[in-house]
Amino acid sequence: MSNVNLSQTNITVGQGLLERVLFCTVTTVPCCVFLFINGTMLFTLRSKTVFCETSRYILLFNLLFADTVQLALSQLLYILAAVGLRLTYPLCGVLTMLSDLTNEISPLTLVVMSVERYVAVCYPLRHSTLVTIRNTEVAIVGVWVFSSLNILTKVILLLMFPFQTLESLEMRDFCARENMLLDPMSDDYNKAFTYFLFVSAGVAVTSSYIGVMIAARSASTDKASARRARNTLLLHLGQLGLSLSSTVHTPLLIALSKVLDRIKLVRIQIFLYVCIIIFPRCLSSLIYGIRDQTIRPVLVYNLCCQWRHSLSLSVISTKAKICMHTS
């Protein structure tokens, strides 16, 4: 749950314009690709009635929406740091708080999705009465309210800082969540909440997985359904682990900065950023887009249609330029 900027190590920004453009391009290209895939997936989940009236697809939409917003915000903060643009504390506070909000939605939604799979396997006869559209919407609202209360607490702690003693509201460092923890209390609260969130989410998903494993041994359980649910819960654990790995992104780079030169450190930073920050935000789209037999054909169709539409616009634009040049 960490933003990507590293003002503490002073390695994010290169001195030359070409170097800055290179840093932005290397991360922006895969980010745009994943945003395109996520956007198409979100459109797919709203294109058919079956997706809008099935609880697990509604939860998936909520997870993808949070991941997509988080991906866009992470890349925005990265670019702002790469070009050397420093924001004011209020503006940076809005961006980092929104980033934290969407980042916390992901593990909480994974917990709800895991519980839904547990109920589907262990209590199949009660699944339709327990996992309803209304209950799913209530669970999603609860996830957003819980995350919002945490953000509200962070805002209150932030407002307790004596900003009037500062010469200017412009930040001395780049905009990052770490640079908005202006007092020890905010830092302690942030660490405590992060540990609590991931320990609780890990216990919930692991318990659901164990419950499904036990139910799979029962003769009355649908073996194929239990196997699919078990594999899905394993993927949820993997996604949760990747989300947790983002918390060590900044401390790891700070430690490496003490033993590596700047060029090697920048390369490692970009690699970790793509693998730990960018890729996990598209993992849900890739997992469900490939594995789910209901989503896959619709997603492929939408991706192909958008690609053909973009190609047609490119051809038309090229022809128009040729006609204007010849005339």
C-alpha atoms as a PDB file:
ATOM      1  CA  MET A   1       0.000   0.000   0.000  1.00  0.00           C
ATOM      2  CA  SER A   2       2.827   2.251  -0.840  1.00  0.00           C
ATOM      3  CA  ASN A   3       3.129   4.934  -3.444  1.00  0.00           C
ATOM      4  CA  VAL A   4       6.040   4.706  -5.793  1.00  0.00           C
ATOM      5  CA  ASN A   5       7.885   7.953  -5.230  1.00  0.00           C
ATOM      6  CA  LEU A   6      11.233   7.970  -3.477  1.00  0.00           C
ATOM      7  CA  SER A   7      12.161  11.461  -2.514  1.00  0.00           C
ATOM      8  CA  GLN A   8      14.136  10.067   0.405  1.00  0.00           C
ATOM      9  CA  THR A   9      16.673   8.408  -1.881  1.00  0.00           C
ATOM     10  CA  ASN A  10      16.715  11.129  -4.541  1.00  0.00           C
ATOM     11  CA  ILE A  11      16.891   8.600  -7.367  1.00  0.00           C
ATOM     12  CA  THR A  12      13.598   8.970  -9.149  1.00  0.00           C
ATOM     13  CA  VAL A  13      14.578  11.901 -11.316  1.00  0.00           C
ATOM     14  CA  GLY A  14      17.407  12.014 -13.832  1.00  0.00           C
ATOM     15  CA  GLN A  15      19.268  15.199 -14.612  1.00  0.00           C
ATOM     16  CA  GLY A  16      18.751  15.218 -18.374  1.00  0.00           C
ATOM     17  CA  LEU A  17      15.544  15.660 -20.320  1.00  0.00           C
ATOM     18  CA  LEU A  18      16.169  12.478 -22.320  1.00  0.00           C
ATOM     19  CA  GLU A  19      16.625  10.494 -19.130  1.00  0.00           C
ATOM     20  CA  ARG A  20      13.375  11.813 -17.681  1.00  0.00           C
ATOM     21  CA  VAL A  21      11.470  11.027 -20.871  1.00  0.00           C
ATOM     22  CA  LEU A  22      12.918   7.513 -20.857  1.00  0.00           C
ATOM     23  CA  PHE A  23      11.886   6.899 -17.251  1.00  0.00           C
ATOM     24  CA  CYS A  24       8.333   8.067 -17.972  1.00  0.00           C
ATOM     25  CA  THR A  25       8.037   6.091 -21.215  1.00  0.00           C
ATOM     26  CA  VAL A  26       9.262   2.786 -19.764  1.00  0.00           C
ATOM     27  CA  THR A  27       6.528   2.843 -17.127  1.00  0.00           C
ATOM     28  CA  THR A  28       3.781   4.729 -18.966  1.00  0.00           C
ATOM     29  CA  VAL A  29       3.569   2.311 -21.904  1.00  0.00           C
ATOM     30  CA  PRO A  30       2.746  -0.826 -19.842  1.00  0.00           C
ATOM     31  CA  CYS A  31       0.544   1.310 -17.591  1.00  0.00           C
ATOM     32  CA  CYS A  32      -1.510   2.504 -20.571  1.00  0.00           C
ATOM     33  CA  VAL A  33      -1.791  -1.062 -21.870  1.00  0.00           C
ATOM     34  CA  PHE A  34      -3.076  -2.283 -18.520  1.00  0.00           C
ATOM     35  CA  LEU A  35      -5.439   0.676 -18.190  1.00  0.00           C
ATOM     36  CA  PHE A  36      -6.834  -0.186 -21.624  1.00  0.00           C
ATOM     37  CA  ILE A  37      -7.346  -3.827 -20.592  1.00  0.00           C
ATOM     38  CA  ASN A  38      -8.910  -2.847 -17.267  1.00  0.00           C
ATOM     39  CA  GLY A  39     -11.165  -0.301 -18.939  1.00  0.00           C
ATOM     40  CA  THR A  40     -12.340  -2.886 -21.453  1.00  0.00           C
ATOM     41  CA  MET A  41     -12.936  -5.347 -18.622  1.00  0.00           C
ATOM     42  CA  LEU A  42     -15.000  -2.799 -16.713  1.00  0.00           C
ATOM     43  CA  PHE A  43     -17.040  -2.106 -19.844  1.00  0.00           C
ATOM     44  CA  THR A  44     -17.495  -5.860 -20.340  1.00  0.00           C
ATOM     45  CA  LEU A  45     -18.831  -6.282 -16.817  1.00  0.00           C
ATOM     46  CA  ARG A  46     -21.513  -3.701 -17.566  1.00  0.00           C
ATOM     47  CA  SER A  47     -22.349  -4.895 -21.078  1.00  0.00           C
ATOM     48  CA  LYS A  48     -24.407  -7.989 -20.179  1.00  0.00           C
ATOM     49  CA  THR A  49     -27.289  -8.513 -17.786  1.00  0.00           C
ATOM     50  CA  VAL A  50     -25.713 -11.672 -16.342  1.00  0.00           C
ATOM     51  CA  PHE A  51     -22.713  -9.655 -15.138  1.00  0.00           C
ATOM     52  CA  CYS A  52     -24.891  -6.985 -13.534  1.00  0.00           C
ATOM     53  CA  GLU A  53     -27.071  -9.527 -11.734  1.00  0.00           C
ATOM     54  CA  THR A  54     -24.418 -11.922 -10.420  1.00  0.00           C
ATOM     55  CA  SER A  55     -22.775 -11.166  -7.086  1.00  0.00           C
ATOM     56  CA  ARG A  56     -19.257 -12.329  -7.915  1.00  0.00           C
ATOM     57  CA  TYR A  57     -19.177 -10.215 -11.075  1.00  0.00           C
ATOM     58  CA  ILE A  58     -20.410  -7.188  -9.150  1.00  0.00           C
ATOM     59  CA  LEU A  59     -17.610  -7.728  -6.619  1.00  0.00           C
ATOM     60  CA  LEU A  60     -15.138  -8.153  -9.460  1.00  0.00           C
ATOM     61  CA  PHE A  61     -16.242  -4.837 -10.950  1.00  0.00           C
ATOM     62  CA  ASN A  62     -15.642  -3.131  -7.602  1.00  0.00           C
ATOM     63  CA  LEU A  63     -12.164  -4.704  -7.362  1.00  0.00           C
ATOM     64  CA  LEU A  64     -11.255  -3.713 -10.915  1.00  0.00           C
ATOM     65  CA  PHE A  65     -12.554  -0.180 -10.467  1.00  0.00           C
ATOM     66  CA  ALA A  66     -10.404   0.349  -7.365  1.00  0.00           C
ATOM     67  CA  ASP A  67      -7.349  -1.203  -9.040  1.00  0.00           C
ATOM     68  CA  THR A  68      -7.795   0.931 -12.160  1.00  0.00           C
ATOM     69  CA  VAL A  69      -8.053   4.181 -10.197  1.00  0.00           C
ATOM     70  CA  GLN A  70      -5.067   3.159  -8.080  1.00  0.00           C
ATOM     71  CA  LEU A  71      -3.035   2.346 -11.199  1.00  0.00           C
ATOM     72  CA  ALA A  72      -3.813   5.718 -12.779  1.00  0.00           C
ATOM     73  CA  LEU A  73      -2.977   7.609  -9.572  1.00  0.00           C
ATOM     74  CA  SER A  74       0.265   5.694  -9.057  1.00  0.00           C
ATOM     75  CA  GLN A  75       1.410   6.503 -12.574  1.00  0.00           C
ATOM     76  CA  LEU A  76       0.406  10.148 -12.177  1.00  0.00           C
ATOM     77  CA  LEU A  77       2.464  10.454  -8.984  1.00  0.00           C
ATOM     78  CA  TYR A  78       5.374   8.690 -10.670  1.00  0.00           C
ATOM     79  CA  ILE A  79       5.337  11.096 -13.623  1.00  0.00           C
ATOM     80  CA  LEU A  80       5.094  14.123 -11.331  1.00  0.00           C
ATOM     81  CA  ALA A  81       8.189  12.882  -9.497  1.00  0.00           C
ATOM     82  CA  ALA A  82      10.021  12.026 -12.718  1.00  0.00           C
ATOM     83  CA  VAL A  83       9.570  15.523 -14.177  1.00  0.00           C
ATOM     84  CA  GLY A  84      10.550  17.119 -10.870  1.00  0.00           C
ATOM     85  CA  LEU A  85       7.206  18.818 -10.199  1.00  0.00           C
ATOM     86  CA  ARG A  86       6.507  19.539  -6.546  1.00  0.00           C
ATOM     87  CA  LEU A  87       2.937  20.031  -5.381  1.00  0.00           C
ATOM     88  CA  THR A  88       1.390  21.845  -2.448  1.00  0.00           C
ATOM     89  CA  TYR A  89       0.517  19.890   0.666  1.00  0.00           C
ATOM     90  CA  PRO A  90      -3.288  20.193   0.135  1.00  0.00           C
ATOM     91  CA  LEU A  91      -3.137  18.931  -3.461  1.00  0.00           C
ATOM     92  CA  CYS A  92      -0.727  16.138  -2.620  1.00  0.00           C
ATOM     93  CA  GLY A  93      -2.902  15.228   0.341  1.00  0.00           C
ATOM     94  CA  VAL A  94      -5.948  14.790  -1.902  1.00  0.00           C
ATOM     95  CA  LEU A  95      -4.034  12.595  -4.358  1.00  0.00           C
ATOM     96  CA  THR A  96      -2.391  10.403  -1.729  1.00  0.00           C
ATOM     97  CA  MET A  97      -5.578   9.997   0.318  1.00  0.00           C
ATOM     98  CA  LEU A  98      -7.515   8.966  -2.788  1.00  0.00           C
ATOM     99  CA  SER A  99      -4.696   6.583  -3.641  1.00  0.00           C
ATOM    100  CA  ASP A 100      -4.809   5.090  -0.142  1.00  0.00           C
ATOM    101  CA  LEU A 101      -8.586   4.751  -0.324  1.00  0.00           C
ATOM    102  CA  THR A 102      -8.579   2.757  -3.556  1.00  0.00           C
ATOM    103  CA  ASN A 103      -5.566   0.740  -2.415  1.00  0.00           C
ATOM    104  CA  GLU A 104      -7.389  -0.428   0.699  1.00  0.00           C
ATOM    105  CA  ILE A 105     -10.492  -1.364  -1.279  1.00  0.00           C
ATOM    106  CA  SER A 106      -8.643  -4.181  -3.072  1.00  0.00           C
ATOM    107  CA  PRO A 107      -7.770  -6.460  -0.105  1.00  0.00           C
ATOM    108  CA  LEU A 108     -11.152  -5.868   1.514  1.00  0.00           C
ATOM    109  CA  THR A 109     -12.968  -6.768  -1.708  1.00  0.00           C
ATOM    110  CA  LEU A 110     -10.808  -9.891  -2.026  1.00  0.00           C
ATOM    111  CA  VAL A 111     -11.996 -10.910   1.434  1.00  0.00           C
ATOM    112  CA  VAL A 112     -15.654 -10.510   0.440  1.00  0.00           C
ATOM    113  CA  MET A 113     -15.050 -12.451  -2.797  1.00  0.00           C
ATOM    114  CA  SER A 114     -13.361 -15.243  -0.829  1.00  0.00           C
ATOM    115  CA  VAL A 115     -16.253 -15.473   1.593  1.00  0.00           C
ATOM    116  CA  GLU A 116     -18.668 -15.632  -1.357  1.00  0.00           C
ATOM    117  CA  ARG A 117     -16.745 -18.606  -2.830  1.00  0.00           C
ATOM    118  CA  TYR A 118     -16.704 -20.268   0.600  1.00  0.00           C
ATOM    119  CA  VAL A 119     -20.475 -19.970   0.927  1.00  0.00           C
ATOM    120  CA  ALA A 120     -20.973 -21.239  -2.645  1.00  0.00           C
ATOM    121  CA  VAL A 121     -19.051 -24.456  -1.899  1.00  0.00           C
ATOM    122  CA  CYS A 122     -19.791 -25.109   1.772  1.00  0.00           C
ATOM    123  CA  TYR A 123     -23.419 -23.937   1.815  1.00  0.00           C
ATOM    124  CA  PRO A 124     -24.660 -24.382  -1.762  1.00  0.00           C
ATOM    125  CA  LEU A 125     -28.324 -24.669  -0.756  1.00  0.00           C
ATOM    126  CA  ARG A 126     -28.202 -21.379   1.150  1.00  0.00           C
ATOM    127  CA  HIS A 127     -26.005 -19.534  -1.337  1.00  0.00           C
ATOM    128  CA  SER A 128     -28.896 -17.998  -3.249  1.00  0.00           C
ATOM    129  CA  THR A 129     -30.471 -16.649  -0.047  1.00  0.00           C
ATOM    130  CA  LEU A 130     -27.249 -15.454   1.605  1.00  0.00           C
ATOM    131  CA  VAL A 131     -25.435 -14.063  -1.428  1.00  0.00           C
ATOM    132  CA  THR A 132     -28.065 -11.777  -2.950  1.00  0.00           C
ATOM    133  CA  ILE A 133     -27.627  -8.623  -4.986  1.00  0.00           C
ATOM    134  CA  ARG A 134     -28.770  -6.537  -2.039  1.00  0.00           C
ATOM    135  CA  ASN A 135     -26.351  -8.219   0.385  1.00  0.00           C
ATOM    136  CA  THR A 136     -23.553  -7.813  -2.130  1.00  0.00           C
ATOM    137  CA  GLU A 137     -24.278  -4.104  -2.468  1.00  0.00           C
ATOM    138  CA  VAL A 138     -24.362  -3.773   1.321  1.00  0.00           C
ATOM    139  CA  ALA A 139     -20.966  -5.514   1.538  1.00  0.00           C
ATOM    140  CA  ILE A 140     -19.483  -3.175  -1.081  1.00  0.00           C
ATOM    141  CA  VAL A 141     -20.840  -0.116   0.715  1.00  0.00           C
ATOM    142  CA  GLY A 142     -19.388  -1.477   3.946  1.00  0.00           C
ATOM    143  CA  VAL A 143     -15.974  -1.870   2.309  1.00  0.00           C
ATOM    144  CA  TRP A 144     -16.005   1.724   1.047  1.00  0.00           C
ATOM    145  CA  VAL A 145     -17.283   3.109   4.371  1.00  0.00           C
ATOM    146  CA  PHE A 146     -14.631   1.243   6.365  1.00  0.00           C
ATOM    147  CA  SER A 147     -11.876   2.495   4.048  1.00  0.00           C
ATOM    148  CA  SER A 148     -13.294   6.021   4.094  1.00  0.00           C
ATOM    149  CA  LEU A 149     -13.286   6.079   7.909  1.00  0.00           C
ATOM    150  CA  ASN A 150      -9.623   5.162   7.843  1.00  0.00           C
ATOM    151  CA  ILE A 151      -8.914   7.983   5.377  1.00  0.00           C
ATOM    152  CA  LEU A 152     -10.907  10.381   7.549  1.00  0.00           C
ATOM    153  CA  THR A 153      -8.738   9.423  10.525  1.00  0.00           C
ATOM    154  CA  LYS A 154      -5.602  10.091   8.463  1.00  0.00           C
ATOM    155  CA  VAL A 155      -6.961  13.484   7.410  1.00  0.00           C
ATOM    156  CA  ILE A 156      -7.672  14.427  11.039  1.00  0.00           C
ATOM    157  CA  LEU A 157      -4.142  13.422  12.055  1.00  0.00           C
ATOM    158  CA  LEU A 158      -2.752  15.395   9.128  1.00  0.00           C
ATOM    159  CA  LEU A 159      -4.713  18.525  10.046  1.00  0.00           C
ATOM    160  CA  MET A 160      -3.219  18.393  13.528  1.00  0.00           C
ATOM    161  CA  PHE A 161       0.152  19.279  12.028  1.00  0.00           C
ATOM    162  CA  PRO A 162       0.996  23.017  12.499  1.00  0.00           C
ATOM    163  CA  PHE A 163       1.084  24.048   8.828  1.00  0.00           C
ATOM    164  CA  GLN A 164       1.082  27.711   9.884  1.00  0.00           C
ATOM    165  CA  THR A 165       4.686  27.311  11.004  1.00  0.00           C
ATOM    166  CA  LEU A 166       5.797  26.485   7.455  1.00  0.00           C
ATOM    167  CA  GLU A 167       7.146  29.218   5.215  1.00  0.00           C
ATOM    168  CA  SER A 168       5.120  27.879   2.292  1.00  0.00           C
ATOM    169  CA  LEU A 169       2.583  25.136   1.589  1.00  0.00           C
ATOM    170  CA  GLU A 170       4.693  23.974  -1.350  1.00  0.00           C
ATOM    171  CA  MET A 171       6.325  20.631  -0.603  1.00  0.00           C
ATOM    172  CA  ARG A 172      10.088  20.376  -0.425  1.00  0.00           C
ATOM    173  CA  ASP A 173       9.970  16.760  -1.619  1.00  0.00           C
ATOM    174  CA  PHE A 174       7.970  14.959  -4.259  1.00  0.00           C
ATOM    175  CA  CYS A 175       4.370  14.006  -3.628  1.00  0.00           C
ATOM    176  CA  ALA A 176       4.267  10.623  -1.927  1.00  0.00           C
ATOM    177  CA  ARG A 177       2.333   9.091   0.907  1.00  0.00           C
ATOM    178  CA  GLU A 178       5.497   8.815   2.997  1.00  0.00           C
ATOM    179  CA  ASN A 179       6.042  12.572   2.681  1.00  0.00           C
ATOM    180  CA  MET A 180       2.518  13.252   3.955  1.00  0.00           C
ATOM    181  CA  LEU A 181       3.216  11.452   7.242  1.00  0.00           C
ATOM    182  CA  LEU A 182       4.335  14.669   8.891  1.00  0.00           C
ATOM    183  CA  ASP A 183       4.354  13.508  12.493  1.00  0.00           C
ATOM    184  CA  PRO A 184       5.175  10.265  14.340  1.00  0.00           C
ATOM    185  CA  MET A 185       1.531   9.681  15.277  1.00  0.00           C
ATOM    186  CA  SER A 186       0.452   9.564  11.634  1.00  0.00           C
ATOM    187  CA  ASP A 187       3.291   7.185  10.819  1.00  0.00           C
ATOM    188  CA  ASP A 188       2.454   4.866  13.730  1.00  0.00           C
ATOM    189  CA  TYR A 189      -1.238   4.837  12.843  1.00  0.00           C
ATOM    190  CA  ASN A 190      -0.486   4.097   9.192  1.00  0.00           C
ATOM    191  CA  LYS A 191       1.750   1.144  10.085  1.00  0.00           C
ATOM    192  CA  ALA A 192      -0.741  -0.235  12.617  1.00  0.00           C
ATOM    193  CA  PHE A 193      -3.650  -0.062  10.178  1.00  0.00           C
ATOM    194  CA  THR A 194      -1.620  -1.635   7.367  1.00  0.00           C
ATOM    195  CA  TYR A 195      -0.574  -4.562   9.565  1.00  0.00           C
ATOM    196  CA  PHE A 196      -4.106  -5.019  10.872  1.00  0.00           C
ATOM    197  CA  LEU A 197      -5.629  -4.908   7.386  1.00  0.00           C
ATOM    198  CA  PHE A 198      -3.349  -7.444   5.791  1.00  0.00           C
ATOM    199  CA  VAL A 199      -3.247  -9.818   8.754  1.00  0.00           C
ATOM    200  CA  SER A 200      -7.060  -9.790   8.949  1.00  0.00           C
ATOM    201  CA  ALA A 201      -7.451 -10.192   5.187  1.00  0.00           C
ATOM    202  CA  GLY A 202      -4.876 -12.983   5.106  1.00  0.00           C
ATOM    203  CA  VAL A 203      -6.607 -14.860   7.920  1.00  0.00           C
ATOM    204  CA  ALA A 204     -10.026 -14.471   6.245  1.00  0.00           C
ATOM    205  CA  VAL A 205      -8.861 -15.693   2.821  1.00  0.00           C
ATOM    206  CA  THR A 206      -6.810 -18.538   4.305  1.00  0.00           C
ATOM    207  CA  SER A 207      -9.736 -19.644   6.478  1.00  0.00           C
ATOM    208  CA  SER A 208     -12.012 -19.659   3.419  1.00  0.00           C
ATOM    209  CA  TYR A 209      -9.464 -21.772   1.547  1.00  0.00           C
ATOM    210  CA  ILE A 210      -9.194 -24.280   4.409  1.00  0.00           C
ATOM    211  CA  GLY A 211     -12.995 -24.460   4.626  1.00  0.00           C
ATOM    212  CA  VAL A 212     -13.259 -25.207   0.915  1.00  0.00           C
ATOM    213  CA  MET A 213     -10.526 -27.864   1.190  1.00  0.00           C
ATOM    214  CA  ILE A 214     -12.407 -29.592   4.009  1.00  0.00           C
ATOM    215  CA  ALA A 215     -15.702 -29.373   2.111  1.00  0.00           C
ATOM    216  CA  ALA A 216     -14.067 -30.827  -1.023  1.00  0.00           C
ATOM    217  CA  ARG A 217     -13.516 -34.096   0.824  1.00  0.00           C
ATOM    218  CA  SER A 218     -17.225 -34.460   1.479  1.00  0.00           C
ATOM    219  CA  ALA A 219     -19.047 -36.880  -0.806  1.00  0.00           C
ATOM    220  CA  SER A 220     -21.984 -34.499  -1.143  1.00  0.00           C
ATOM    221  CA  THR A 221     -19.847 -31.641  -2.489  1.00  0.00           C
ATOM    222  CA  ASP A 222     -19.525 -30.873  -6.188  1.00  0.00           C
ATOM    223  CA  LYS A 223     -15.865 -31.775  -6.787  1.00  0.00           C
ATOM    224  CA  ALA A 224     -15.478 -29.602  -9.880  1.00  0.00           C
ATOM    225  CA  SER A 225     -17.006 -26.579  -8.155  1.00  0.00           C
ATOM    226  CA  ALA A 226     -14.840 -27.102  -5.082  1.00  0.00           C
ATOM    227  CA  ARG A 227     -11.707 -27.379  -7.227  1.00  0.00           C
ATOM    228  CA  ARG A 228     -12.508 -24.157  -9.069  1.00  0.00           C
ATOM    229  CA  ALA A 229     -13.238 -22.367  -5.802  1.00  0.00           C
ATOM    230  CA  ARG A 230      -9.972 -23.656  -4.313  1.00  0.00           C
ATOM    231  CA  ASN A 231      -7.982 -22.385  -7.289  1.00  0.00           C
ATOM    232  CA  THR A 232      -9.763 -19.032  -7.136  1.00  0.00           C
ATOM    233  CA  LEU A 233      -8.957 -18.649  -3.437  1.00  0.00           C
ATOM    234  CA  LEU A 234      -5.307 -19.474  -4.131  1.00  0.00           C
ATOM    235  CA  LEU A 235      -5.290 -16.683  -6.699  1.00  0.00           C
ATOM    236  CA  HIS A 236      -6.851 -14.353  -4.141  1.00  0.00           C
ATOM    237  CA  LEU A 237      -4.041 -15.208  -1.734  1.00  0.00           C
ATOM    238  CA  GLY A 238      -1.549 -14.436  -4.479  1.00  0.00           C
ATOM    239  CA  GLN A 239      -3.209 -11.104  -5.197  1.00  0.00           C
ATOM    240  CA  LEU A 240      -3.207 -10.273  -1.497  1.00  0.00           C
ATOM    241  CA  GLY A 241       0.476 -11.151  -1.297  1.00  0.00           C
ATOM    242  CA  LEU A 242       1.286  -8.858  -4.213  1.00  0.00           C
ATOM    243  CA  SER A 243      -0.639  -6.045  -2.559  1.00  0.00           C
ATOM    244  CA  LEU A 244       1.342  -6.644   0.616  1.00  0.00           C
ATOM    245  CA  SER A 245       4.619  -6.627  -1.337  1.00  0.00           C
ATOM    246  CA  SER A 246       3.971  -3.006  -2.318  1.00  0.00           C
ATOM    247  CA  THR A 247       4.422  -2.021   1.328  1.00  0.00           C
ATOM    248  CA  VAL A 248       8.096  -3.016   1.207  1.00  0.00           C
ATOM    249  CA  HIS A 249       8.733  -1.253  -2.115  1.00  0.00           C
ATOM    250  CA  THR A 250       9.987   2.014  -0.644  1.00  0.00           C
ATOM    251  CA  PRO A 251      11.973   0.573   2.325  1.00  0.00           C
ATOM    252  CA  LEU A 252      13.642  -1.930  -0.015  1.00  0.00           C
ATOM    253  CA  LEU A 253      14.815   0.771  -2.411  1.00  0.00           C
ATOM    254  CA  ILE A 254      16.024   2.946   0.447  1.00  0.00           C
ATOM    255  CA  ALA A 255      18.134   0.033   1.704  1.00  0.00           C
ATOM    256  CA  LEU A 256      19.473  -0.687  -1.799  1.00  0.00           C
ATOM    257  CA  SER A 257      20.389   2.978  -2.271  1.00  0.00           C
ATOM    258  CA  LYS A 258      23.071   2.568   0.386  1.00  0.00           C
ATOM    259  CA  VAL A 259      24.942  -0.126  -1.539  1.00  0.00           C
ATOM    260  CA  LEU A 260      24.221   0.562  -5.229  1.00  0.00           C
ATOM    261  CA  ASP A 261      25.067   3.439  -7.523  1.00  0.00           C
ATOM    262  CA  ARG A 262      22.305   5.659  -8.917  1.00  0.00           C
ATOM    263  CA  ILE A 263      22.080   4.099 -12.404  1.00  0.00           C
ATOM    264  CA  LYS A 264      21.664   0.536 -11.116  1.00  0.00           C
ATOM    265  CA  LEU A 265      19.247   1.724  -8.470  1.00  0.00           C
ATOM    266  CA  VAL A 266      17.055   3.511 -11.021  1.00  0.00           C
ATOM    267  CA  ARG A 267      16.902   0.369 -13.166  1.00  0.00           C
ATOM    268  CA  ILE A 268      15.915  -1.722 -10.162  1.00  0.00           C
ATOM    269  CA  GLN A 269      13.329   0.876  -9.159  1.00  0.00           C
ATOM    270  CA  ILE A 270      11.668   0.819 -12.585  1.00  0.00           C
ATOM    271  CA  PHE A 271      11.662  -3.003 -12.619  1.00  0.00           C
ATOM    272  CA  LEU A 272      10.106  -3.221  -9.143  1.00  0.00           C
ATOM    273  CA  TYR A 273       7.604  -0.497  -9.961  1.00  0.00           C
ATOM    274  CA  VAL A 274       6.335  -2.375 -13.024  1.00  0.00           C
ATOM    275  CA  CYS A 275       6.280  -5.750 -11.251  1.00  0.00           C
ATOM    276  CA  ILE A 276       4.956  -4.694  -7.832  1.00  0.00           C
ATOM    277  CA  ILE A 277       2.832  -1.621  -8.547  1.00  0.00           C
ATOM    278  CA  ILE A 278       1.641  -1.800 -12.159  1.00  0.00           C
ATOM    279  CA  PHE A 279       1.269  -5.500 -12.958  1.00  0.00           C
ATOM    280  CA  PRO A 280      -0.794  -6.520  -9.867  1.00  0.00           C
ATOM    281  CA  ARG A 281      -3.372  -3.846 -10.790  1.00  0.00           C
ATOM    282  CA  CYS A 282      -4.094  -5.702 -14.025  1.00  0.00           C
ATOM    283  CA  LEU A 283      -3.861  -9.186 -12.546  1.00  0.00           C
ATOM    284  CA  SER A 284      -7.595  -9.437 -11.833  1.00  0.00           C
ATOM    285  CA  SER A 285      -8.465  -8.637 -15.449  1.00  0.00           C
ATOM    286  CA  LEU A 286      -6.008 -11.222 -16.727  1.00  0.00           C
ATOM    287  CA  ILE A 287      -7.114 -13.896 -14.251  1.00  0.00           C
ATOM    288  CA  TYR A 288     -10.858 -13.566 -14.747  1.00  0.00           C
ATOM    289  CA  GLY A 289     -10.623 -12.613 -18.411  1.00  0.00           C
ATOM    290  CA  ILE A 290      -8.811 -15.859 -19.197  1.00  0.00           C
ATOM    291  CA  ARG A 291     -10.259 -18.286 -16.641  1.00  0.00           C
ATOM    292  CA  ASP A 292     -13.933 -17.317 -16.600  1.00  0.00           C
ATOM    293  CA  GLN A 293     -15.796 -18.986 -19.451  1.00  0.00           C
ATOM    294  CA  THR A 294     -18.576 -16.402 -19.328  1.00  0.00           C
ATOM    295  CA  ILE A 295     -16.340 -13.325 -19.381  1.00  0.00           C
ATOM    296  CA  ARG A 296     -13.684 -14.529 -21.832  1.00  0.00           C
ATOM    297  CA  PRO A 297     -15.649 -14.483 -25.129  1.00  0.00           C
ATOM    298  CA  VAL A 298     -17.232 -11.105 -24.358  1.00  0.00           C
ATOM    299  CA  LEU A 299     -13.900  -9.602 -23.287  1.00  0.00           C
ATOM    300  CA  VAL A 300     -12.099 -10.887 -26.399  1.00  0.00           C
ATOM    301  CA  TYR A 301     -14.874  -9.524 -28.602  1.00  0.00           C
ATOM    302  CA  ASN A 302     -14.720  -6.092 -26.953  1.00  0.00           C
ATOM    303  CA  LEU A 303     -10.917  -5.986 -27.153  1.00  0.00           C
ATOM    304  CA  CYS A 304     -10.980  -6.894 -30.853  1.00  0.00           C
ATOM    305  CA  CYS A 305     -13.689  -4.342 -31.617  1.00  0.00           C
ATOM    306  CA  GLN A 306     -11.799  -1.548 -29.856  1.00  0.00           C
ATOM    307  CA  TRP A 307      -8.552  -2.518 -31.605  1.00  0.00           C
ATOM    308  CA  ARG A 308     -10.250  -2.493 -35.020  1.00  0.00           C
ATOM    309  CA  HIS A 309     -11.913   0.830 -34.222  1.00  0.00           C
ATOM    310  CA  SER A 310      -8.556   2.359 -33.243  1.00  0.00           C
ATOM    311  CA  LEU A 311      -6.956   0.955 -36.405  1.00  0.00           C
ATOM    312  CA  SER A 312      -9.739   2.383 -38.576  1.00  0.00           C
ATOM    313  CA  LEU A 313      -9.353   5.821 -37.001  1.00  0.00           C
ATOM    314  CA  SER A 314      -5.593   5.650 -37.595  1.00  0.00           C
ATOM    315  CA  VAL A 315      -6.095   4.764 -41.269  1.00  0.00           C
ATOM    316  CA  ILE A 316      -8.650   7.528 -41.756  1.00  0.00           C
ATOM    317  CA  SER A 317      -6.353  10.052 -40.087  1.00  0.00           C
ATOM    318  CA  THR A 318      -3.433   8.987 -42.300  1.00  0.00           C
ATOM    319  CA  LYS A 319      -5.509   9.265 -45.477  1.00  0.00           C
ATOM    320  CA  ALA A 320      -6.749  12.694 -44.445  1.00  0.00           C
ATOM    321  CA  LYS A 321      -3.206  13.919 -43.912  1.00  0.00           C
ATOM    322  CA  ILE A 322      -2.164  12.565 -47.323  1.00  0.00           C
ATOM    323  CA  CYS A 323      -5.097  14.281 -49.022  1.00  0.00           C
ATOM    324  CA  MET A 324      -4.290  17.589 -47.327  1.00  0.00           C
ATOM    325  CA  HIS A 325      -0.649  17.284 -48.315  1.00  0.00           C
ATOM    326  CA  THR A 326      -1.404  16.517 -51.983  1.00  0.00           C
ATOM    327  CA  SER A 327      -3.952  19.305 -52.265  1.00  0.00           C
END
